Structure formats: C-alpha cells, structure tokens
Amino acid sequence: MENNKLKFKTNINCGGCIEKVTPFLNEVAGEGHWTVDTSTKDKILTVDDGITSVDAVMSSVQKAGYKIEEVNN
C-alpha cells in the first residue's frame, strides 16, 4: 500500500532555497522523505505522510524563512 503524501504550496523557488530549508525539513520529516517541485507555479512541497505532522512541517519551513500553505487533497 502506497503512503499518502502531505502537500503544501511554498515560495521555495530554487536550489539555494532548497539548500536553506533542507536541515529544517530533514529534522522533522527525515532525509529522503520530502521533495519540492520548483518547476510548478505553487512550488509544491510533498512530504511522506505518517512520519511527521502538518504543523511540524509548516513550522519548520516558516523557521527557515519561507511561506507555506497546506494543500487539501
């Protein structure tokens, strides 16, 4: 069974931004359990569900200095 994904709109725009937010997201979600698609307008952050909470992800991205909004599936 495939895990569901948590999805968020962000303003994480480029590789440098991803580099800046990486330690924050690795701390709450774990390395390899999240991705950011910077090629889309909404810069979608996808996190494996069941590893962390929506609040923890949102807080970590905000601490890194970025905007984040949950996308309801």
PDB file of N, CA and C in Angstrom:
ATOM      1  N   MET A   1       0.836  -1.183   0.000  1.00  0.00           N
ATOM      2  CA  MET A   1       0.000   0.000   0.000  1.00  0.00           C
ATOM      3  C   MET A   1       0.881   1.247   0.000  1.00  0.00           C
ATOM      4  N   GLU A   2       0.583   2.165  -0.902  1.00  0.00           N
ATOM      5  CA  GLU A   2       1.381   3.390  -1.015  1.00  0.00           C
ATOM      6  C   GLU A   2       0.965   4.382   0.060  1.00  0.00           C
ATOM      7  N   ASN A   3       1.958   5.025   0.677  1.00  0.00           N
ATOM      8  CA  ASN A   3       1.672   6.055   1.678  1.00  0.00           C
ATOM      9  C   ASN A   3       1.047   7.266   1.016  1.00  0.00           C
ATOM     10  N   ASN A   4       0.153   7.917   1.740  1.00  0.00           N
ATOM     11  CA  ASN A   4      -0.371   9.200   1.287  1.00  0.00           C
ATOM     12  C   ASN A   4       0.719  10.245   1.453  1.00  0.00           C
ATOM     13  N   LYS A   5       0.534  11.350   0.786  1.00  0.00           N
ATOM     14  CA  LYS A   5       1.511  12.434   0.842  1.00  0.00           C
ATOM     15  C   LYS A   5       0.848  13.685   1.395  1.00  0.00           C
ATOM     16  N   LEU A   6       1.605  14.436   2.176  1.00  0.00           N
ATOM     17  CA  LEU A   6       1.186  15.765   2.603  1.00  0.00           C
ATOM     18  C   LEU A   6       1.693  16.731   1.545  1.00  0.00           C
ATOM     19  N   LYS A   7       0.844  17.675   1.125  1.00  0.00           N
ATOM     20  CA  LYS A   7       1.247  18.621   0.079  1.00  0.00           C
ATOM     21  C   LYS A   7       1.035  20.044   0.559  1.00  0.00           C
ATOM     22  N   PHE A   8       1.997  20.901   0.186  1.00  0.00           N
ATOM     23  CA  PHE A   8       1.988  22.295   0.614  1.00  0.00           C
ATOM     24  C   PHE A   8       2.418  23.196  -0.535  1.00  0.00           C
ATOM     25  N   LYS A   9       1.783  24.370  -0.644  1.00  0.00           N
ATOM     26  CA  LYS A   9       2.267  25.432  -1.526  1.00  0.00           C
ATOM     27  C   LYS A   9       3.341  26.181  -0.753  1.00  0.00           C
ATOM     28  N   THR A  10       4.428  26.537  -1.436  1.00  0.00           N
ATOM     29  CA  THR A  10       5.513  27.264  -0.768  1.00  0.00           C
ATOM     30  C   THR A  10       6.044  28.364  -1.686  1.00  0.00           C
ATOM     31  N   ASN A  11       6.985  29.130  -1.173  1.00  0.00           N
ATOM     32  CA  ASN A  11       7.743  30.066  -2.009  1.00  0.00           C
ATOM     33  C   ASN A  11       9.217  29.654  -2.043  1.00  0.00           C
ATOM     34  N   ILE A  12       9.466  28.351  -1.984  1.00  0.00           N
ATOM     35  CA  ILE A  12      10.813  27.780  -2.110  1.00  0.00           C
ATOM     36  C   ILE A  12      11.099  27.702  -3.616  1.00  0.00           C
ATOM     37  N   ASN A  13      11.870  28.661  -4.133  1.00  0.00           N
ATOM     38  CA  ASN A  13      11.959  28.880  -5.580  1.00  0.00           C
ATOM     39  C   ASN A  13      13.107  28.206  -6.315  1.00  0.00           C
ATOM     40  N   CYS A  14      14.197  27.888  -5.631  1.00  0.00           N
ATOM     41  CA  CYS A  14      15.391  27.464  -6.367  1.00  0.00           C
ATOM     42  C   CYS A  14      16.223  26.493  -5.532  1.00  0.00           C
ATOM     43  N   GLY A  15      17.296  26.031  -6.128  1.00  0.00           N
ATOM     44  CA  GLY A  15      18.190  25.115  -5.435  1.00  0.00           C
ATOM     45  C   GLY A  15      18.771  25.696  -4.164  1.00  0.00           C
ATOM     46  N   GLY A  16      19.078  26.989  -4.185  1.00  0.00           N
ATOM     47  CA  GLY A  16      19.599  27.648  -2.988  1.00  0.00           C
ATOM     48  C   GLY A  16      18.580  27.670  -1.868  1.00  0.00           C
ATOM     49  N   CYS A  17      17.321  27.878  -2.244  1.00  0.00           N
ATOM     50  CA  CYS A  17      16.239  27.865  -1.252  1.00  0.00           C
ATOM     51  C   CYS A  17      16.084  26.464  -0.658  1.00  0.00           C
ATOM     52  N   ILE A  18      16.141  25.462  -1.525  1.00  0.00           N
ATOM     53  CA  ILE A  18      16.028  24.078  -1.054  1.00  0.00           C
ATOM     54  C   ILE A  18      17.177  23.764  -0.104  1.00  0.00           C
ATOM     55  N   GLU A  19      18.374  24.221  -0.454  1.00  0.00           N
ATOM     56  CA  GLU A  19      19.542  24.005   0.404  1.00  0.00           C
ATOM     57  C   GLU A  19      19.327  24.626   1.786  1.00  0.00           C
ATOM     58  N   LYS A  20      18.723  25.815   1.818  1.00  0.00           N
ATOM     59  CA  LYS A  20      18.490  26.505   3.086  1.00  0.00           C
ATOM     60  C   LYS A  20      17.454  25.781   3.953  1.00  0.00           C
ATOM     61  N   VAL A  21      16.409  25.239   3.327  1.00  0.00           N
ATOM     62  CA  VAL A  21      15.322  24.613   4.083  1.00  0.00           C
ATOM     63  C   VAL A  21      15.617  23.141   4.420  1.00  0.00           C
ATOM     64  N   THR A  22      16.588  22.540   3.743  1.00  0.00           N
ATOM     65  CA  THR A  22      16.894  21.113   3.928  1.00  0.00           C
ATOM     66  C   THR A  22      17.116  20.705   5.381  1.00  0.00           C
ATOM     67  N   PRO A  23      17.969  21.387   6.158  1.00  0.00           N
ATOM     68  CA  PRO A  23      18.168  20.915   7.538  1.00  0.00           C
ATOM     69  C   PRO A  23      16.889  20.979   8.374  1.00  0.00           C
ATOM     70  N   PHE A  24      16.040  21.955   8.099  1.00  0.00           N
ATOM     71  CA  PHE A  24      14.789  22.091   8.845  1.00  0.00           C
ATOM     72  C   PHE A  24      13.836  20.941   8.515  1.00  0.00           C
ATOM     73  N   LEU A  25      13.695  20.629   7.225  1.00  0.00           N
ATOM     74  CA  LEU A  25      12.793  19.547   6.825  1.00  0.00           C
ATOM     75  C   LEU A  25      13.356  18.176   7.182  1.00  0.00           C
ATOM     76  N   ASN A  26      14.668  18.005   7.070  1.00  0.00           N
ATOM     77  CA  ASN A  26      15.263  16.727   7.461  1.00  0.00           C
ATOM     78  C   ASN A  26      15.037  16.446   8.943  1.00  0.00           C
ATOM     79  N   GLU A  27      15.030  17.504   9.748  1.00  0.00           N
ATOM     80  CA  GLU A  27      14.828  17.337  11.188  1.00  0.00           C
ATOM     81  C   GLU A  27      13.426  16.819  11.511  1.00  0.00           C
ATOM     82  N   VAL A  28      12.413  17.298  10.797  1.00  0.00           N
ATOM     83  CA  VAL A  28      11.038  16.890  11.123  1.00  0.00           C
ATOM     84  C   VAL A  28      10.528  15.731  10.277  1.00  0.00           C
ATOM     85  N   ALA A  29      11.025  15.592   9.041  1.00  0.00           N
ATOM     86  CA  ALA A  29      10.493  14.560   8.153  1.00  0.00           C
ATOM     87  C   ALA A  29      11.499  13.463   7.829  1.00  0.00           C
ATOM     88  N   GLY A  30      12.777  13.769   7.968  1.00  0.00           N
ATOM     89  CA  GLY A  30      13.809  12.795   7.649  1.00  0.00           C
ATOM     90  C   GLY A  30      14.280  12.924   6.211  1.00  0.00           C
ATOM     91  N   GLU A  31      15.556  12.708   6.023  1.00  0.00           N
ATOM     92  CA  GLU A  31      16.159  12.801   4.696  1.00  0.00           C
ATOM     93  C   GLU A  31      15.504  11.794   3.754  1.00  0.00           C
ATOM     94  N   GLY A  32      15.177  12.242   2.568  1.00  0.00           N
ATOM     95  CA  GLY A  32      14.581  11.356   1.567  1.00  0.00           C
ATOM     96  C   GLY A  32      13.078  11.200   1.675  1.00  0.00           C
ATOM     97  N   HIS A  33      12.459  11.886   2.622  1.00  0.00           N
ATOM     98  CA  HIS A  33      11.008  11.760   2.814  1.00  0.00           C
ATOM     99  C   HIS A  33      10.249  13.003   2.386  1.00  0.00           C
ATOM    100  N   TRP A  34      10.904  13.892   1.652  1.00  0.00           N
ATOM    101  CA  TRP A  34      10.249  15.108   1.173  1.00  0.00           C
ATOM    102  C   TRP A  34      10.901  15.573  -0.120  1.00  0.00           C
ATOM    103  N   THR A  35      10.142  16.300  -0.931  1.00  0.00           N
ATOM    104  CA  THR A  35      10.645  16.892  -2.166  1.00  0.00           C
ATOM    105  C   THR A  35       9.945  18.230  -2.401  1.00  0.00           C
ATOM    106  N   VAL A  36      10.602  19.105  -3.151  1.00  0.00           N
ATOM    107  CA  VAL A  36       9.999  20.367  -3.574  1.00  0.00           C
ATOM    108  C   VAL A  36      10.081  20.421  -5.096  1.00  0.00           C
ATOM    109  N   ASP A  37       8.942  20.662  -5.735  1.00  0.00           N
ATOM    110  CA  ASP A  37       8.904  20.808  -7.187  1.00  0.00           C
ATOM    111  C   ASP A  37       8.952  22.293  -7.523  1.00  0.00           C
ATOM    112  N   THR A  38      10.152  22.794  -7.804  1.00  0.00           N
ATOM    113  CA  THR A  38      10.318  24.225  -8.092  1.00  0.00           C
ATOM    114  C   THR A  38       9.901  24.576  -9.518  1.00  0.00           C
ATOM    115  N   SER A  39       9.541  23.584 -10.326  1.00  0.00           N
ATOM    116  CA  SER A  39       9.138  23.861 -11.709  1.00  0.00           C
ATOM    117  C   SER A  39       7.665  24.244 -11.822  1.00  0.00           C
ATOM    118  N   THR A  40       6.906  24.105 -10.739  1.00  0.00           N
ATOM    119  CA  THR A  40       5.487  24.460 -10.772  1.00  0.00           C
ATOM    120  C   THR A  40       5.272  25.837 -10.162  1.00  0.00           C
ATOM    121  N   LYS A  41       4.172  26.462 -10.543  1.00  0.00           N
ATOM    122  CA  LYS A  41       3.841  27.807 -10.052  1.00  0.00           C
ATOM    123  C   LYS A  41       3.741  27.833  -8.528  1.00  0.00           C
ATOM    124  N   ASP A  42       3.165  26.785  -7.944  1.00  0.00           N
ATOM    125  CA  ASP A  42       2.925  26.759  -6.498  1.00  0.00           C
ATOM    126  C   ASP A  42       4.089  26.200  -5.690  1.00  0.00           C
ATOM    127  N   LYS A  43       5.182  25.785  -6.358  1.00  0.00           N
ATOM    128  CA  LYS A  43       6.376  25.276  -5.656  1.00  0.00           C
ATOM    129  C   LYS A  43       5.968  24.241  -4.602  1.00  0.00           C
ATOM    130  N   ILE A  44       5.369  23.144  -5.056  1.00  0.00           N
ATOM    131  CA  ILE A  44       4.756  22.169  -4.163  1.00  0.00           C
ATOM    132  C   ILE A  44       5.805  21.366  -3.387  1.00  0.00           C
ATOM    133  N   LEU A  45       5.668  21.419  -2.074  1.00  0.00           N
ATOM    134  CA  LEU A  45       6.445  20.585  -1.152  1.00  0.00           C
ATOM    135  C   LEU A  45       5.607  19.351  -0.861  1.00  0.00           C
ATOM    136  N   THR A  46       6.170  18.177  -1.080  1.00  0.00           N
ATOM    137  CA  THR A  46       5.493  16.916  -0.810  1.00  0.00           C
ATOM    138  C   THR A  46       6.271  16.181   0.274  1.00  0.00           C
ATOM    139  N   VAL A  47       5.551  15.746   1.311  1.00  0.00           N
ATOM    140  CA  VAL A  47       6.165  15.051   2.445  1.00  0.00           C
ATOM    141  C   VAL A  47       5.440  13.726   2.636  1.00  0.00           C
ATOM    142  N   ASP A  48       6.193  12.651   2.867  1.00  0.00           N
ATOM    143  CA  ASP A  48       5.571  11.364   3.162  1.00  0.00           C
ATOM    144  C   ASP A  48       4.715  11.488   4.408  1.00  0.00           C
ATOM    145  N   ASP A  49       3.476  11.017   4.328  1.00  0.00           N
ATOM    146  CA  ASP A  49       2.558  11.068   5.463  1.00  0.00           C
ATOM    147  C   ASP A  49       2.924   9.980   6.472  1.00  0.00           C
ATOM    148  N   GLY A  50       2.562  10.212   7.720  1.00  0.00           N
ATOM    149  CA  GLY A  50       2.796   9.233   8.771  1.00  0.00           C
ATOM    150  C   GLY A  50       4.147   9.379   9.444  1.00  0.00           C
ATOM    151  N   ILE A  51       4.977  10.289   8.954  1.00  0.00           N
ATOM    152  CA  ILE A  51       6.311  10.494   9.518  1.00  0.00           C
ATOM    153  C   ILE A  51       6.315  11.676  10.470  1.00  0.00           C
ATOM    154  N   THR A  52       5.545  12.695  10.129  1.00  0.00           N
ATOM    155  CA  THR A  52       5.507  13.927  10.902  1.00  0.00           C
ATOM    156  C   THR A  52       4.126  14.543  10.763  1.00  0.00           C
ATOM    157  N   SER A  53       3.902  15.643  11.440  1.00  0.00           N
ATOM    158  CA  SER A  53       2.594  16.302  11.382  1.00  0.00           C
ATOM    159  C   SER A  53       2.620  17.493  10.426  1.00  0.00           C
ATOM    160  N   VAL A  54       1.442  17.890   9.989  1.00  0.00           N
ATOM    161  CA  VAL A  54       1.303  19.081   9.152  1.00  0.00           C
ATOM    162  C   VAL A  54       1.886  20.284   9.879  1.00  0.00           C
ATOM    163  N   ASP A  55       1.556  20.428  11.162  1.00  0.00           N
ATOM    164  CA  ASP A  55       2.043  21.568  11.944  1.00  0.00           C
ATOM    165  C   ASP A  55       3.564  21.600  12.023  1.00  0.00           C
ATOM    166  N   ALA A  56       4.191  20.439  12.199  1.00  0.00           N
ATOM    167  CA  ALA A  56       5.652  20.384  12.295  1.00  0.00           C
ATOM    168  C   ALA A  56       6.305  20.804  10.981  1.00  0.00           C
ATOM    169  N   VAL A  57       5.751  20.354   9.864  1.00  0.00           N
ATOM    170  CA  VAL A  57       6.292  20.730   8.555  1.00  0.00           C
ATOM    171  C   VAL A  57       6.142  22.229   8.341  1.00  0.00           C
ATOM    172  N   MET A  58       4.949  22.748   8.618  1.00  0.00           N
ATOM    173  CA  MET A  58       4.699  24.173   8.407  1.00  0.00           C
ATOM    174  C   MET A  58       5.607  25.026   9.285  1.00  0.00           C
ATOM    175  N   SER A  59       5.772  24.632  10.522  1.00  0.00           N
ATOM    176  CA  SER A  59       6.628  25.369  11.446  1.00  0.00           C
ATOM    177  C   SER A  59       8.085  25.354  10.983  1.00  0.00           C
ATOM    178  N   SER A  60       8.564  24.203  10.522  1.00  0.00           N
ATOM    179  CA  SER A  60       9.968  24.104  10.110  1.00  0.00           C
ATOM    180  C   SER A  60      10.248  24.963   8.880  1.00  0.00           C
ATOM    181  N   VAL A  61       9.324  24.990   7.926  1.00  0.00           N
ATOM    182  CA  VAL A  61       9.514  25.808   6.725  1.00  0.00           C
ATOM    183  C   VAL A  61       9.476  27.292   7.090  1.00  0.00           C
ATOM    184  N   GLN A  62       8.568  27.663   7.981  1.00  0.00           N
ATOM    185  CA  GLN A  62       8.492  29.056   8.428  1.00  0.00           C
ATOM    186  C   GLN A  62       9.753  29.466   9.181  1.00  0.00           C
ATOM    187  N   LYS A  63      10.306  28.577   9.999  1.00  0.00           N
ATOM    188  CA  LYS A  63      11.554  28.871  10.714  1.00  0.00           C
ATOM    189  C   LYS A  63      12.704  29.106   9.738  1.00  0.00           C
ATOM    190  N   ALA A  64      12.654  28.424   8.591  1.00  0.00           N
ATOM    191  CA  ALA A  64      13.688  28.602   7.569  1.00  0.00           C
ATOM    192  C   ALA A  64      13.494  29.903   6.794  1.00  0.00           C
ATOM    193  N   GLY A  65      12.361  30.574   7.020  1.00  0.00           N
ATOM    194  CA  GLY A  65      12.122  31.870   6.395  1.00  0.00           C
ATOM    195  C   GLY A  65      11.244  31.845   5.156  1.00  0.00           C
ATOM    196  N   TYR A  66      10.481  30.775   4.974  1.00  0.00           N
ATOM    197  CA  TYR A  66       9.650  30.642   3.780  1.00  0.00           C
ATOM    198  C   TYR A  66       8.172  30.584   4.137  1.00  0.00           C
ATOM    199  N   LYS A  67       7.351  30.914   3.141  1.00  0.00           N
ATOM    200  CA  LYS A  67       5.901  30.834   3.297  1.00  0.00           C
ATOM    201  C   LYS A  67       5.449  29.427   2.941  1.00  0.00           C
ATOM    202  N   ILE A  68       4.391  28.971   3.610  1.00  0.00           N
ATOM    203  CA  ILE A  68       3.873  27.630   3.359  1.00  0.00           C
ATOM    204  C   ILE A  68       2.385  27.615   3.650  1.00  0.00           C
ATOM    205  N   GLU A  69       1.663  26.873   2.826  1.00  0.00           N
ATOM    206  CA  GLU A  69       0.219  26.745   2.971  1.00  0.00           C
ATOM    207  C   GLU A  69      -0.158  25.310   2.617  1.00  0.00           C
ATOM    208  N   GLU A  70      -0.943  24.671   3.466  1.00  0.00           N
ATOM    209  CA  GLU A  70      -1.353  23.294   3.204  1.00  0.00           C
ATOM    210  C   GLU A  70      -2.275  23.242   1.992  1.00  0.00           C
ATOM    211  N   VAL A  71      -2.080  22.225   1.155  1.00  0.00           N
ATOM    212  CA  VAL A  71      -2.963  21.965   0.023  1.00  0.00           C
ATOM    213  C   VAL A  71      -3.840  20.794   0.420  1.00  0.00           C
ATOM    214  N   ASN A  72      -5.140  21.009   0.428  1.00  0.00           N
ATOM    215  CA  ASN A  72      -6.071  19.927   0.764  1.00  0.00           C
ATOM    216  C   ASN A  72      -6.303  19.067  -0.461  1.00  0.00           C
ATOM    217  N   ASN A  73      -6.074  17.768  -0.293  1.00  0.00           N
ATOM    218  CA  ASN A  73      -6.238  16.837  -1.425  1.00  0.00           C
ATOM    219  C   ASN A  73      -7.682  16.528  -1.674  1.00  0.00           C
TER     220      ASN A  73
END
